């Protein structure tokens, strides 16, 4: 071998090893850049808004016993086939004595097992107001948007299983009065569920029972509800601060009669995440002119408000995990 050939081979080896080293460094770096470029999955207000649109289009008049009520049930079921396949979707059938006679109702419970002993429940009602069955009432905000939001929360929990307490989503039936609101004529689904879970011991596992109601409102401001547990109200203020949403909570203080009451009466910590101030007030509807009227339509709901509400619920779950 000549000195020239030896020099050429030496140069070739040097270039080869240099290129190899560069490739070894650059491939992991490229992989890291690709990983970093993937946005972190989070709850989506836009997805919840689209689900609201689909839900009220598929089942606009969801009063109990109507064809659309059955379509609403099927809509909810269709979004939890994966949980049903794992045995984590329960249909809770019951019959309630009402001013309209015995009515068949259903609650749906979707379970996401966690790593700690205990349960955080997030609930919403999915039906529309029975006395308004003869008008074009679709309940876009009152039942529609929060049903959609819990379906989107289920998608989030499917991708991010709970690290702390188990999370159960409850779609409850019969929140609205059948004739006129009273202790006996309202909250049928949660009264049934609270009694059932008291009898079988489940209620002892519940660390917090959260209700989502009317929080798709474009003009969102979550009320400070005096029927909610004080430490959960404090956590909601913290959740709002942590998520940058403090301006959307606690402008108004109210005392809300809602789906949390049957659990509050049994000593469960409860929180109603609700915005009763819905539309310009009228003499008939001082809490807002869109509430329980045909004006409760999709144009009164926003993806932005659903994003805020979703962020608050996800952060509340994290904070409750840390609290107890």
Protein backbone atom coordinates (compact mmCIF):
# COMPACT_ATOMS: atom_id res chain seq x y z
CA UNK A 1 0.00 0.00 0.00
CA UNK A 2 1.42 3.41 -1.01
CA UNK A 3 1.61 6.31 1.37
CA UNK A 4 -0.97 8.13 -0.80
CA UNK A 5 -3.45 5.22 -0.58
CA UNK A 6 -2.89 4.98 3.17
CA UNK A 7 -3.62 8.69 3.57
CA UNK A 8 -6.78 8.42 1.48
CA UNK A 9 -8.05 5.47 3.52
CA UNK A 10 -7.27 7.28 6.74
CA UNK A 11 -9.17 10.33 5.53
CA UNK A 12 -12.13 8.15 4.48
CA UNK A 13 -12.25 6.46 7.91
CA UNK A 14 -12.16 9.85 9.60
CA UNK A 15 -15.03 11.20 7.49
CA UNK A 16 -17.05 7.99 7.99
CA UNK A 17 -16.77 8.06 11.79
CA UNK A 18 -17.52 11.79 11.88
CA UNK A 19 -20.69 11.32 9.82
CA UNK A 20 -21.74 8.34 11.94
CA UNK A 21 -21.32 10.34 15.12
CA UNK A 22 -23.35 13.20 13.67
CA UNK A 23 -26.15 10.81 12.70
CA UNK A 24 -26.23 9.27 16.18
CA UNK A 25 -26.58 12.72 17.70
CA UNK A 26 -29.02 14.11 15.17
CA UNK A 27 -31.53 11.19 15.16
CA UNK A 28 -32.39 11.39 18.88
CA UNK A 29 -32.48 15.18 18.55
CA UNK A 30 -34.94 14.91 15.68
CA UNK A 31 -37.01 12.44 17.66
CA UNK A 32 -37.03 14.80 20.62
CA UNK A 33 -38.14 17.67 18.37
CA UNK A 34 -40.94 15.52 16.95
CA UNK A 35 -42.10 14.57 20.44
CA UNK A 36 -41.94 18.15 21.63
CA UNK A 37 -43.92 19.30 18.60
CA UNK A 38 -46.88 17.13 19.59
CA UNK A 39 -49.28 19.32 21.57
CA UNK A 40 -50.20 18.05 25.02
CA UNK A 41 -53.73 16.62 24.87
CA UNK A 42 -56.27 18.58 26.91
CA UNK A 43 -59.98 18.96 27.22
CA UNK A 44 -61.41 20.80 24.22
CA UNK A 45 -64.09 23.44 24.46
CA UNK A 46 -64.46 23.38 20.69
CA UNK A 47 -65.10 19.62 20.74
CA UNK A 48 -67.65 20.09 23.53
CA UNK A 49 -69.39 22.80 21.50
CA UNK A 50 -69.57 20.53 18.44
CA UNK A 51 -70.97 17.73 20.62
CA UNK A 52 -73.58 20.18 21.94
CA UNK A 53 -74.62 20.95 18.38
CA UNK A 54 -74.84 17.26 17.52
CA UNK A 55 -76.72 16.39 20.72
CA UNK A 56 -79.49 18.96 20.42
CA UNK A 57 -79.81 18.18 16.69
CA UNK A 58 -80.18 14.46 17.41
CA UNK A 59 -82.46 14.87 20.46
CA UNK A 60 -83.87 18.39 20.70
CA UNK A 61 -86.96 17.73 22.86
CA UNK A 62 -85.67 15.35 25.52
CA UNK A 63 -88.54 15.44 28.01
CA UNK A 64 -89.06 12.15 29.81
CA UNK A 65 -91.05 9.61 27.82
CA UNK A 66 -90.53 11.35 24.47
CA UNK A 67 -88.91 9.77 21.40
CA UNK A 68 -86.11 12.33 21.69
CA UNK A 69 -85.46 11.25 25.28
CA UNK A 70 -84.70 7.76 23.97
CA UNK A 71 -82.47 9.32 21.27
CA UNK A 72 -80.61 11.25 23.97
CA UNK A 73 -79.97 8.02 25.86
CA UNK A 74 -78.61 6.39 22.71
CA UNK A 75 -76.43 9.43 21.97
CA UNK A 76 -74.80 9.16 25.39
CA UNK A 77 -74.32 5.40 25.12
CA UNK A 78 -72.74 5.71 21.68
CA UNK A 79 -69.87 7.79 23.07
CA UNK A 80 -68.90 5.28 25.75
CA UNK A 81 -68.62 1.98 23.87
CA UNK A 82 -65.01 1.60 25.02
CA UNK A 83 -65.98 1.99 28.68
CA UNK A 84 -68.93 -0.37 28.20
CA UNK A 85 -66.60 -3.02 26.74
CA UNK A 86 -64.54 -2.81 29.96
CA UNK A 87 -67.60 -3.06 32.21
CA UNK A 88 -67.26 0.58 33.27
CA UNK A 89 -70.58 1.86 31.89
CA UNK A 90 -73.73 1.31 33.94
CA UNK A 91 -77.35 1.99 33.03
CA UNK A 92 -79.29 2.67 36.23
CA UNK A 93 -82.97 2.04 35.43
CA UNK A 94 -85.60 3.20 37.89
CA UNK A 95 -89.23 4.27 38.07
CA UNK A 96 -90.30 7.48 39.76
CA UNK A 97 -93.66 8.50 41.16
CA UNK A 98 -94.44 11.92 39.64
CA UNK A 99 -97.46 14.24 39.17
CA UNK A 100 -97.77 12.63 35.71
CA UNK A 101 -97.81 9.12 37.20
CA UNK A 102 -95.03 6.52 37.28
CA UNK A 103 -92.32 7.46 34.79
CA UNK A 104 -89.41 5.28 33.71
CA UNK A 105 -86.07 7.06 33.97
CA UNK A 106 -82.40 6.22 33.52
CA UNK A 107 -79.14 7.41 35.01
CA UNK A 108 -75.86 6.57 33.27
CA UNK A 109 -72.66 6.08 35.28
CA UNK A 110 -69.28 5.98 33.53
CA UNK A 111 -66.34 4.89 35.68
CA UNK A 112 -62.65 5.74 35.23
CA UNK A 113 -60.69 3.76 37.85
CA UNK A 114 -57.98 5.63 39.72
CA UNK A 115 -55.06 4.64 41.92
CA UNK A 116 -56.43 5.86 45.28
CA UNK A 117 -59.35 4.55 47.29
CA UNK A 118 -62.21 6.97 46.75
CA UNK A 119 -64.36 8.55 44.05
CA UNK A 120 -64.90 12.00 42.59
CA UNK A 121 -68.30 12.24 40.88
CA UNK A 122 -69.05 14.78 38.14
CA UNK A 123 -72.75 14.91 37.24
CA UNK A 124 -75.15 16.64 34.88
CA UNK A 125 -78.77 16.15 33.91
CA UNK A 126 -79.43 15.31 30.27
CA UNK A 127 -83.22 15.69 29.85
CA UNK A 128 -85.22 18.82 29.01
CA UNK A 129 -87.92 20.48 31.09
CA UNK A 130 -91.15 18.41 31.07
CA UNK A 131 -93.62 21.34 31.48
CA UNK A 132 -92.04 22.99 28.40
CA UNK A 133 -92.68 19.97 26.17
CA UNK A 134 -95.27 21.88 24.12
CA UNK A 135 -92.90 24.66 23.07
CA UNK A 136 -89.72 24.48 21.00
CA UNK A 137 -87.44 24.18 24.04
CA UNK A 138 -84.14 22.46 23.21
CA UNK A 139 -82.17 23.28 26.37
CA UNK A 140 -78.93 24.03 24.56
CA UNK A 141 -77.36 25.40 27.74
CA UNK A 142 -79.71 23.83 30.28
CA UNK A 143 -78.70 20.19 29.99
CA UNK A 144 -77.38 20.10 26.42
CA UNK A 145 -74.00 21.81 26.79
CA UNK A 146 -73.09 20.07 30.05
CA UNK A 147 -74.05 16.66 28.68
CA UNK A 148 -71.67 17.38 25.80
CA UNK A 149 -69.01 18.68 28.20
CA UNK A 150 -69.11 15.46 30.26
CA UNK A 151 -68.82 13.39 27.08
CA UNK A 152 -65.72 15.43 26.20
CA UNK A 153 -64.44 15.02 29.78
CA UNK A 154 -64.84 11.27 29.26
CA UNK A 155 -62.66 11.47 26.15
CA UNK A 156 -60.05 13.34 28.18
CA UNK A 157 -60.13 10.77 31.00
CA UNK A 158 -59.87 7.94 28.48
CA UNK A 159 -56.57 9.45 27.28
CA UNK A 160 -55.49 10.52 30.79
CA UNK A 161 -56.67 7.89 33.31
CA UNK A 162 -56.99 9.26 36.86
CA UNK A 163 -53.76 9.16 38.85
CA UNK A 164 -55.56 9.77 42.13
CA UNK A 165 -59.18 9.01 43.03
CA UNK A 166 -61.44 7.27 40.54
CA UNK A 167 -63.62 9.64 38.54
CA UNK A 168 -67.22 8.75 37.79
CA UNK A 169 -69.32 10.69 35.28
CA UNK A 170 -73.05 10.65 36.01
CA UNK A 171 -75.65 11.60 33.41
CA UNK A 172 -78.73 11.88 35.59
CA UNK A 173 -82.37 11.92 34.55
CA UNK A 174 -85.33 13.85 35.93
CA UNK A 175 -83.57 16.88 37.39
CA UNK A 176 -86.38 19.11 36.18
CA UNK A 177 -89.80 19.20 37.81
CA UNK A 178 -92.60 17.31 36.10
CA UNK A 179 -95.22 19.85 37.22
CA UNK A 180 -93.72 22.52 39.49
CA UNK A 181 -90.53 22.56 41.51
CA UNK A 182 -90.69 21.10 45.02
CA UNK A 183 -88.65 18.73 47.17
CA UNK A 184 -90.77 15.85 45.86
CA UNK A 185 -91.15 17.02 42.27
CA UNK A 186 -87.54 17.49 41.16
CA UNK A 187 -84.09 15.87 41.25
CA UNK A 188 -85.54 12.40 40.58
CA UNK A 189 -82.31 10.90 39.25
CA UNK A 190 -79.96 12.11 41.95
CA UNK A 191 -82.47 11.42 44.74
CA UNK A 192 -82.71 7.85 43.50
CA UNK A 193 -78.93 7.51 43.12
CA UNK A 194 -78.14 9.01 46.53
CA UNK A 195 -80.60 6.59 48.19
CA UNK A 196 -79.25 3.62 46.23
CA UNK A 197 -75.62 4.43 47.02
CA UNK A 198 -76.48 5.00 50.67
CA UNK A 199 -77.99 1.52 50.88
CA UNK A 200 -75.10 -0.30 49.19
CA UNK A 201 -72.32 1.69 50.90
CA UNK A 202 -71.03 3.39 47.75
CA UNK A 203 -71.73 6.84 49.17
CA UNK A 204 -68.96 6.40 51.76
CA UNK A 205 -66.41 6.29 48.94
CA UNK A 206 -67.41 9.66 47.45
CA UNK A 207 -64.85 12.35 48.25
CA UNK A 208 -66.70 15.05 46.30
CA UNK A 209 -69.87 15.29 44.21
CA UNK A 210 -69.63 18.00 41.54
CA UNK A 211 -72.56 19.16 39.41
CA UNK A 212 -72.13 20.91 36.06
CA UNK A 213 -75.20 22.94 35.06
CA UNK A 214 -75.78 25.79 32.57
CA UNK A 215 -72.06 26.54 32.15
CA UNK A 216 -71.98 26.74 28.37
CA UNK A 217 -73.46 30.26 28.61
CA UNK A 218 -71.59 32.72 26.33
CA UNK A 219 -71.71 35.28 29.14
CA UNK A 220 -70.20 32.90 31.69
CA UNK A 221 -69.85 33.60 35.38
CA UNK A 222 -70.04 30.65 37.78
CA UNK A 223 -72.05 31.44 40.91
CA UNK A 224 -70.88 31.09 44.49
CA UNK A 225 -73.57 28.70 45.68
CA UNK A 226 -74.28 28.74 49.41
CA UNK A 227 -75.58 25.15 49.24
CA UNK A 228 -72.11 23.97 48.18
CA UNK A 229 -69.46 22.80 50.64
CA UNK A 230 -67.18 25.69 51.68
CA UNK A 231 -63.85 23.92 51.10
CA UNK A 232 -64.94 22.96 47.58
CA UNK A 233 -65.91 26.59 46.89
CA UNK A 234 -62.41 27.55 48.06
CA UNK A 235 -60.91 24.95 45.73
CA UNK A 236 -62.98 26.29 42.84
CA UNK A 237 -61.53 29.75 43.45
CA UNK A 238 -58.06 28.18 43.43
CA UNK A 239 -58.85 26.24 40.26
CA UNK A 240 -59.98 29.46 38.58
CA UNK A 241 -56.77 31.21 39.62
CA UNK A 242 -54.58 28.31 38.50
CA UNK A 243 -56.23 28.19 35.07
CA UNK A 244 -56.37 31.95 34.54
CA UNK A 245 -60.18 32.04 34.77
CA UNK A 246 -60.74 34.01 37.98
CA UNK A 247 -62.79 36.67 36.17
CA UNK A 248 -65.36 34.00 35.27
CA UNK A 249 -66.29 32.90 38.79
CA UNK A 250 -68.15 34.23 41.81
CA UNK A 251 -69.54 37.51 40.48
CA UNK A 252 -72.89 36.42 41.95
CA UNK A 253 -73.76 34.63 45.19
CA UNK A 254 -76.79 32.36 45.03
CA UNK A 255 -78.51 29.52 46.85
CA UNK A 256 -79.12 26.90 44.19
CA UNK A 257 -81.58 24.01 44.35
CA UNK A 258 -79.85 21.50 42.11
CA UNK A 259 -78.67 17.91 41.72
CA UNK A 260 -76.10 18.22 44.52
CA UNK A 261 -78.74 18.51 47.27
CA UNK A 262 -79.59 14.79 47.74
CA UNK A 263 -75.89 14.12 48.34
CA UNK A 264 -75.41 17.19 50.54
CA UNK A 265 -78.25 15.93 52.74
CA UNK A 266 -76.27 12.71 53.25
CA UNK A 267 -73.08 14.47 54.29
CA UNK A 268 -71.18 14.22 50.99
CA UNK A 269 -69.01 17.26 50.09
CA UNK A 270 -70.76 18.89 47.13
CA UNK A 271 -70.16 21.67 44.62
CA UNK A 272 -72.61 23.10 42.10
CA UNK A 273 -70.70 24.58 39.17
CA UNK A 274 -73.61 26.60 37.81
CA UNK A 275 -74.37 29.94 36.15
CA UNK A 276 -78.01 30.87 36.79
CA UNK A 277 -77.68 34.37 35.30
CA UNK A 278 -78.67 33.37 31.76
CA UNK A 279 -79.74 36.18 29.45
CA UNK A 280 -81.27 39.58 30.21
CA UNK A 281 -83.60 39.33 33.24
CA UNK A 282 -87.36 39.62 32.77
CA UNK A 283 -90.26 39.86 35.23
CA UNK A 284 -91.13 36.22 34.51
CA UNK A 285 -87.50 35.04 34.55
CA UNK A 286 -85.50 37.31 36.88
CA UNK A 287 -82.59 34.85 36.72
CA UNK A 288 -82.34 35.47 32.97
CA UNK A 289 -84.66 35.65 30.02
CA UNK A 290 -83.21 32.62 28.24
CA UNK A 291 -83.72 30.24 31.16
CA UNK A 292 -86.58 27.76 30.58
CA UNK A 293 -87.66 29.47 27.36
CA UNK A 294 -87.44 28.68 23.65
CA UNK A 295 -84.54 31.18 23.55
CA UNK A 296 -82.19 28.61 25.15
CA UNK A 297 -80.61 27.81 21.79
CA UNK A 298 -77.15 26.98 20.48
CA UNK A 299 -76.29 30.60 19.66
CA UNK A 300 -76.34 31.34 23.41
CA UNK A 301 -73.55 28.77 23.99
CA UNK A 302 -69.85 29.22 23.19
CA UNK A 303 -66.81 27.00 22.79
CA UNK A 304 -64.88 29.57 24.87
CA UNK A 305 -67.19 29.14 27.86
CA UNK A 306 -67.07 25.36 27.52
CA UNK A 307 -63.27 25.55 27.45
CA UNK A 308 -63.27 27.54 30.69
CA UNK A 309 -65.74 25.17 32.33
CA UNK A 310 -63.79 22.12 31.17
CA UNK A 311 -60.52 23.58 32.46
CA UNK A 312 -62.15 24.24 35.84
CA UNK A 313 -63.49 20.68 36.15
CA UNK A 314 -60.16 19.08 35.22
CA UNK A 315 -58.32 21.32 37.68
CA UNK A 316 -60.89 20.60 40.41
CA UNK A 317 -60.24 16.88 40.02
CA UNK A 318 -56.49 17.51 40.42
CA UNK A 319 -56.98 19.73 43.47
CA UNK A 320 -59.38 17.32 45.20
CA UNK A 321 -56.82 14.56 44.71
CA UNK A 322 -54.32 16.69 46.60
CA UNK A 323 -56.75 17.90 49.25
CA UNK A 324 -57.85 14.62 50.82
